[in-house]
Amino acid sequence: MMVQPEGDEKLISLTINEVGNDKNQLSKVYYDDALTIPADTCVPTFGYLFKAGKTYGFSVILESQAKRKRGIQPASRVYGVSFSLRENNGQLEANTL
């Protein structure tokens, strides 16, 4: 997933899950140590193991501390995508749902 942070927005939450398998989920929440995600760069997946033939949900929340401190709403933006993976010539290929 790629995002376009605006201003001081940083990643405060990330969730990756395999649809139908609650045991295969990665969730990270950041407070004071939010991650800077450069524009036009993929959001890190922290070693999450994706497999062909599976369907996934991937969501992130970007938040601006400057907007939050000034009471500007919305101070956060949510990005999400659902996709399935298949193997194509030895490479994983994503198809959005």
N, C-alpha and C. Protein backbone atom coordinates (compact mmCIF):
# COMPACT_ATOMS: atom_id res chain seq x y z
N MET A 1 0.85 -1.16 0.00
CA MET A 1 0.00 0.00 0.00
C MET A 1 0.90 1.23 0.00
N MET A 2 0.51 2.21 -0.80
CA MET A 2 1.22 3.48 -0.82
C MET A 2 0.26 4.57 -0.35
N VAL A 3 0.82 5.55 0.38
CA VAL A 3 0.02 6.66 0.89
C VAL A 3 0.71 7.97 0.53
N GLN A 4 -0.02 9.05 0.64
CA GLN A 4 0.50 10.39 0.38
C GLN A 4 0.34 11.24 1.64
N PRO A 5 1.27 11.14 2.60
CA PRO A 5 1.15 11.94 3.81
C PRO A 5 1.14 13.44 3.48
N GLU A 6 0.38 14.18 4.25
CA GLU A 6 0.30 15.63 4.08
C GLU A 6 0.86 16.30 5.34
N GLY A 7 1.71 17.30 5.15
CA GLY A 7 2.26 18.03 6.29
C GLY A 7 3.03 17.12 7.23
N ASP A 8 2.64 17.15 8.51
CA ASP A 8 3.34 16.36 9.53
C ASP A 8 2.69 15.00 9.80
N GLU A 9 1.81 14.54 8.91
CA GLU A 9 1.12 13.26 9.14
C GLU A 9 2.12 12.12 9.29
N LYS A 10 1.83 11.27 10.27
CA LYS A 10 2.62 10.07 10.51
C LYS A 10 1.70 8.88 10.70
N LEU A 11 2.24 7.69 10.49
CA LEU A 11 1.48 6.47 10.65
C LEU A 11 1.32 6.17 12.14
N ILE A 12 0.07 6.09 12.60
CA ILE A 12 -0.18 5.77 14.01
C ILE A 12 -0.78 4.39 14.19
N SER A 13 -1.30 3.79 13.10
CA SER A 13 -1.92 2.47 13.21
C SER A 13 -1.80 1.73 11.89
N LEU A 14 -1.54 0.43 11.99
CA LEU A 14 -1.44 -0.43 10.82
C LEU A 14 -2.05 -1.78 11.18
N THR A 15 -2.89 -2.30 10.30
CA THR A 15 -3.47 -3.63 10.49
C THR A 15 -3.44 -4.38 9.16
N ILE A 16 -2.92 -5.61 9.20
CA ILE A 16 -2.96 -6.50 8.05
C ILE A 16 -3.61 -7.79 8.55
N ASN A 17 -4.60 -8.27 7.83
CA ASN A 17 -5.22 -9.52 8.24
C ASN A 17 -5.62 -10.37 7.04
N GLU A 18 -5.50 -11.69 7.24
CA GLU A 18 -5.97 -12.64 6.25
C GLU A 18 -7.46 -12.83 6.49
N VAL A 19 -8.27 -12.60 5.48
CA VAL A 19 -9.72 -12.72 5.61
C VAL A 19 -10.08 -14.17 5.95
N GLY A 20 -10.87 -14.34 7.00
CA GLY A 20 -11.32 -15.66 7.42
C GLY A 20 -10.36 -16.41 8.32
N ASN A 21 -9.24 -15.78 8.69
CA ASN A 21 -8.26 -16.42 9.57
C ASN A 21 -7.80 -15.42 10.62
N ASP A 22 -8.52 -15.35 11.72
CA ASP A 22 -8.22 -14.38 12.77
C ASP A 22 -6.84 -14.57 13.39
N LYS A 23 -6.26 -15.75 13.22
CA LYS A 23 -4.94 -16.02 13.80
C LYS A 23 -3.81 -15.42 12.98
N ASN A 24 -4.10 -15.05 11.74
CA ASN A 24 -3.07 -14.50 10.85
C ASN A 24 -3.30 -13.00 10.69
N GLN A 25 -2.96 -12.26 11.74
CA GLN A 25 -3.17 -10.82 11.76
C GLN A 25 -1.97 -10.12 12.36
N LEU A 26 -1.65 -8.97 11.82
CA LEU A 26 -0.60 -8.11 12.36
C LEU A 26 -1.24 -6.77 12.67
N SER A 27 -1.04 -6.29 13.87
CA SER A 27 -1.60 -4.99 14.27
C SER A 27 -0.53 -4.22 15.02
N LYS A 28 -0.29 -2.99 14.59
CA LYS A 28 0.68 -2.12 15.25
C LYS A 28 0.01 -0.78 15.50
N VAL A 29 0.20 -0.27 16.72
CA VAL A 29 -0.33 1.04 17.09
C VAL A 29 0.82 1.85 17.67
N TYR A 30 0.95 3.07 17.20
CA TYR A 30 2.03 3.94 17.65
C TYR A 30 1.43 5.18 18.30
N TYR A 31 2.05 5.63 19.36
CA TYR A 31 1.58 6.82 20.05
C TYR A 31 2.63 7.92 19.88
N ASP A 32 3.53 8.05 20.82
CA ASP A 32 4.56 9.09 20.72
C ASP A 32 5.62 8.76 19.68
N ASP A 33 5.69 7.50 19.27
CA ASP A 33 6.72 7.07 18.33
C ASP A 33 6.15 6.75 16.95
N ALA A 34 5.19 7.56 16.49
CA ALA A 34 4.56 7.34 15.18
C ALA A 34 5.62 7.32 14.09
N LEU A 35 5.35 6.57 13.03
CA LEU A 35 6.32 6.39 11.95
C LEU A 35 6.12 7.41 10.83
N THR A 36 7.21 7.97 10.36
CA THR A 36 7.18 8.83 9.19
C THR A 36 7.20 7.93 7.96
N ILE A 37 6.24 8.13 7.08
CA ILE A 37 6.16 7.36 5.83
C ILE A 37 6.36 8.33 4.68
N PRO A 38 7.47 8.21 3.94
CA PRO A 38 7.69 9.11 2.81
C PRO A 38 6.62 8.92 1.73
N ALA A 39 6.29 10.02 1.05
CA ALA A 39 5.33 9.95 -0.05
C ALA A 39 5.87 9.02 -1.13
N ASP A 40 4.96 8.35 -1.83
CA ASP A 40 5.31 7.45 -2.93
C ASP A 40 6.21 6.29 -2.49
N THR A 41 6.09 5.89 -1.23
CA THR A 41 6.83 4.75 -0.69
C THR A 41 5.83 3.77 -0.11
N CYS A 42 6.08 2.49 -0.30
CA CYS A 42 5.18 1.49 0.27
C CYS A 42 5.22 1.53 1.80
N VAL A 43 4.07 1.36 2.40
CA VAL A 43 3.98 1.25 3.86
C VAL A 43 4.65 -0.06 4.25
N PRO A 44 5.48 -0.07 5.30
CA PRO A 44 6.14 -1.32 5.68
C PRO A 44 5.14 -2.38 6.12
N THR A 45 5.48 -3.64 5.86
CA THR A 45 4.61 -4.76 6.26
C THR A 45 5.21 -5.55 7.42
N PHE A 46 6.37 -5.14 7.91
CA PHE A 46 6.98 -5.72 9.11
C PHE A 46 7.12 -7.24 9.03
N GLY A 47 7.46 -7.74 7.85
CA GLY A 47 7.70 -9.17 7.68
C GLY A 47 6.45 -10.03 7.61
N TYR A 48 5.28 -9.42 7.49
CA TYR A 48 4.04 -10.20 7.38
C TYR A 48 4.15 -11.13 6.19
N LEU A 49 3.77 -12.39 6.37
CA LEU A 49 3.89 -13.39 5.31
C LEU A 49 2.59 -13.47 4.50
N PHE A 50 2.66 -12.99 3.26
CA PHE A 50 1.53 -13.07 2.33
C PHE A 50 1.68 -14.35 1.52
N LYS A 51 0.53 -14.99 1.20
CA LYS A 51 0.56 -16.24 0.43
C LYS A 51 -0.44 -16.18 -0.73
N ALA A 52 -0.05 -16.82 -1.82
CA ALA A 52 -0.94 -16.93 -2.98
C ALA A 52 -2.20 -17.69 -2.59
N GLY A 53 -3.34 -17.29 -3.18
CA GLY A 53 -4.61 -17.96 -2.92
C GLY A 53 -5.34 -17.43 -1.70
N LYS A 54 -4.78 -16.44 -1.05
CA LYS A 54 -5.39 -15.87 0.16
C LYS A 54 -5.91 -14.46 -0.13
N THR A 55 -6.83 -14.01 0.71
CA THR A 55 -7.40 -12.66 0.61
C THR A 55 -7.04 -11.90 1.87
N TYR A 56 -6.68 -10.62 1.70
CA TYR A 56 -6.18 -9.82 2.82
C TYR A 56 -6.88 -8.47 2.90
N GLY A 57 -6.88 -7.93 4.10
CA GLY A 57 -7.27 -6.56 4.35
C GLY A 57 -6.06 -5.83 4.90
N PHE A 58 -5.85 -4.60 4.47
CA PHE A 58 -4.69 -3.81 4.89
C PHE A 58 -5.20 -2.41 5.17
N SER A 59 -5.00 -1.91 6.37
CA SER A 59 -5.45 -0.55 6.67
C SER A 59 -4.41 0.19 7.50
N VAL A 60 -4.34 1.49 7.29
CA VAL A 60 -3.44 2.35 8.05
C VAL A 60 -4.18 3.64 8.41
N ILE A 61 -3.73 4.25 9.49
CA ILE A 61 -4.23 5.56 9.88
C ILE A 61 -3.04 6.51 9.95
N LEU A 62 -3.15 7.63 9.25
CA LEU A 62 -2.17 8.70 9.33
C LEU A 62 -2.77 9.82 10.16
N GLU A 63 -1.96 10.41 11.05
CA GLU A 63 -2.47 11.47 11.90
C GLU A 63 -1.50 12.64 11.94
N SER A 64 -2.05 13.84 11.97
CA SER A 64 -1.28 15.07 12.10
C SER A 64 -1.37 15.56 13.54
N GLN A 65 -0.24 15.55 14.24
CA GLN A 65 -0.23 16.06 15.61
C GLN A 65 -0.50 17.56 15.63
N ALA A 66 -0.02 18.28 14.62
CA ALA A 66 -0.25 19.73 14.57
C ALA A 66 -1.74 20.03 14.48
N LYS A 67 -2.46 19.30 13.63
CA LYS A 67 -3.91 19.50 13.51
C LYS A 67 -4.61 19.12 14.81
N ARG A 68 -4.20 18.01 15.42
CA ARG A 68 -4.82 17.57 16.67
C ARG A 68 -4.63 18.63 17.76
N LYS A 69 -3.42 19.16 17.88
CA LYS A 69 -3.13 20.17 18.92
C LYS A 69 -3.93 21.44 18.71
N ARG A 70 -4.21 21.80 17.45
CA ARG A 70 -4.98 23.01 17.15
C ARG A 70 -6.48 22.75 17.11
N GLY A 71 -6.89 21.51 17.31
CA GLY A 71 -8.31 21.17 17.31
C GLY A 71 -8.93 21.10 15.92
N ILE A 72 -8.09 20.99 14.89
CA ILE A 72 -8.58 20.90 13.52
C ILE A 72 -9.04 19.47 13.25
N GLN A 73 -10.25 19.34 12.72
CA GLN A 73 -10.79 18.03 12.39
C GLN A 73 -11.08 17.96 10.89
N PRO A 74 -10.80 16.87 10.23
CA PRO A 74 -10.20 15.68 10.82
C PRO A 74 -8.69 15.83 10.95
N ALA A 75 -8.14 15.29 12.02
CA ALA A 75 -6.70 15.29 12.23
C ALA A 75 -6.08 14.00 11.71
N SER A 76 -6.94 13.03 11.37
CA SER A 76 -6.47 11.72 10.90
C SER A 76 -7.13 11.36 9.58
N ARG A 77 -6.43 10.53 8.81
CA ARG A 77 -6.99 9.98 7.58
C ARG A 77 -6.78 8.47 7.59
N VAL A 78 -7.78 7.74 7.12
CA VAL A 78 -7.74 6.28 7.11
C VAL A 78 -7.63 5.80 5.66
N TYR A 79 -6.71 4.88 5.44
CA TYR A 79 -6.55 4.23 4.14
C TYR A 79 -6.81 2.75 4.32
N GLY A 80 -7.48 2.13 3.36
CA GLY A 80 -7.72 0.70 3.44
C GLY A 80 -7.86 0.08 2.07
N VAL A 81 -7.48 -1.18 1.99
CA VAL A 81 -7.62 -1.93 0.74
C VAL A 81 -7.82 -3.40 1.07
N SER A 82 -8.63 -4.06 0.26
CA SER A 82 -8.80 -5.52 0.33
C SER A 82 -8.32 -6.07 -1.00
N PHE A 83 -7.59 -7.18 -0.94
CA PHE A 83 -7.04 -7.75 -2.16
C PHE A 83 -6.84 -9.25 -2.00
N SER A 84 -6.80 -9.93 -3.13
CA SER A 84 -6.45 -11.35 -3.15
C SER A 84 -5.13 -11.49 -3.89
N LEU A 85 -4.41 -12.56 -3.58
CA LEU A 85 -3.12 -12.79 -4.21
C LEU A 85 -3.15 -14.07 -5.03
N ARG A 86 -2.46 -14.04 -6.14
CA ARG A 86 -2.28 -15.24 -6.94
C ARG A 86 -0.84 -15.25 -7.42
N GLU A 87 -0.39 -16.42 -7.79
CA GLU A 87 0.97 -16.53 -8.30
C GLU A 87 0.93 -16.42 -9.82
N ASN A 88 1.84 -15.63 -10.37
CA ASN A 88 1.93 -15.43 -11.81
C ASN A 88 3.41 -15.48 -12.18
N ASN A 89 3.82 -16.54 -12.85
CA ASN A 89 5.22 -16.73 -13.23
C ASN A 89 6.17 -16.61 -12.04
N GLY A 90 5.79 -17.21 -10.93
CA GLY A 90 6.64 -17.22 -9.74
C GLY A 90 6.58 -15.97 -8.89
N GLN A 91 5.76 -15.01 -9.27
CA GLN A 91 5.62 -13.76 -8.52
C GLN A 91 4.21 -13.63 -7.97
N LEU A 92 4.08 -13.04 -6.78
CA LEU A 92 2.75 -12.77 -6.25
C LEU A 92 2.15 -11.58 -6.98
N GLU A 93 0.88 -11.70 -7.34
CA GLU A 93 0.16 -10.64 -8.04
C GLU A 93 -1.11 -10.33 -7.26
N ALA A 94 -1.33 -9.06 -6.98
CA ALA A 94 -2.49 -8.64 -6.20
C ALA A 94 -3.62 -8.19 -7.11
N ASN A 95 -4.84 -8.56 -6.71
CA ASN A 95 -6.05 -8.10 -7.39
C ASN A 95 -6.94 -7.46 -6.34
N THR A 96 -7.20 -6.16 -6.49
CA THR A 96 -8.04 -5.49 -5.50
C THR A 96 -9.47 -5.98 -5.61
N LEU A 97 -10.15 -5.98 -4.48
CA LEU A 97 -11.53 -6.46 -4.43
C LEU A 97 -12.48 -5.28 -4.35
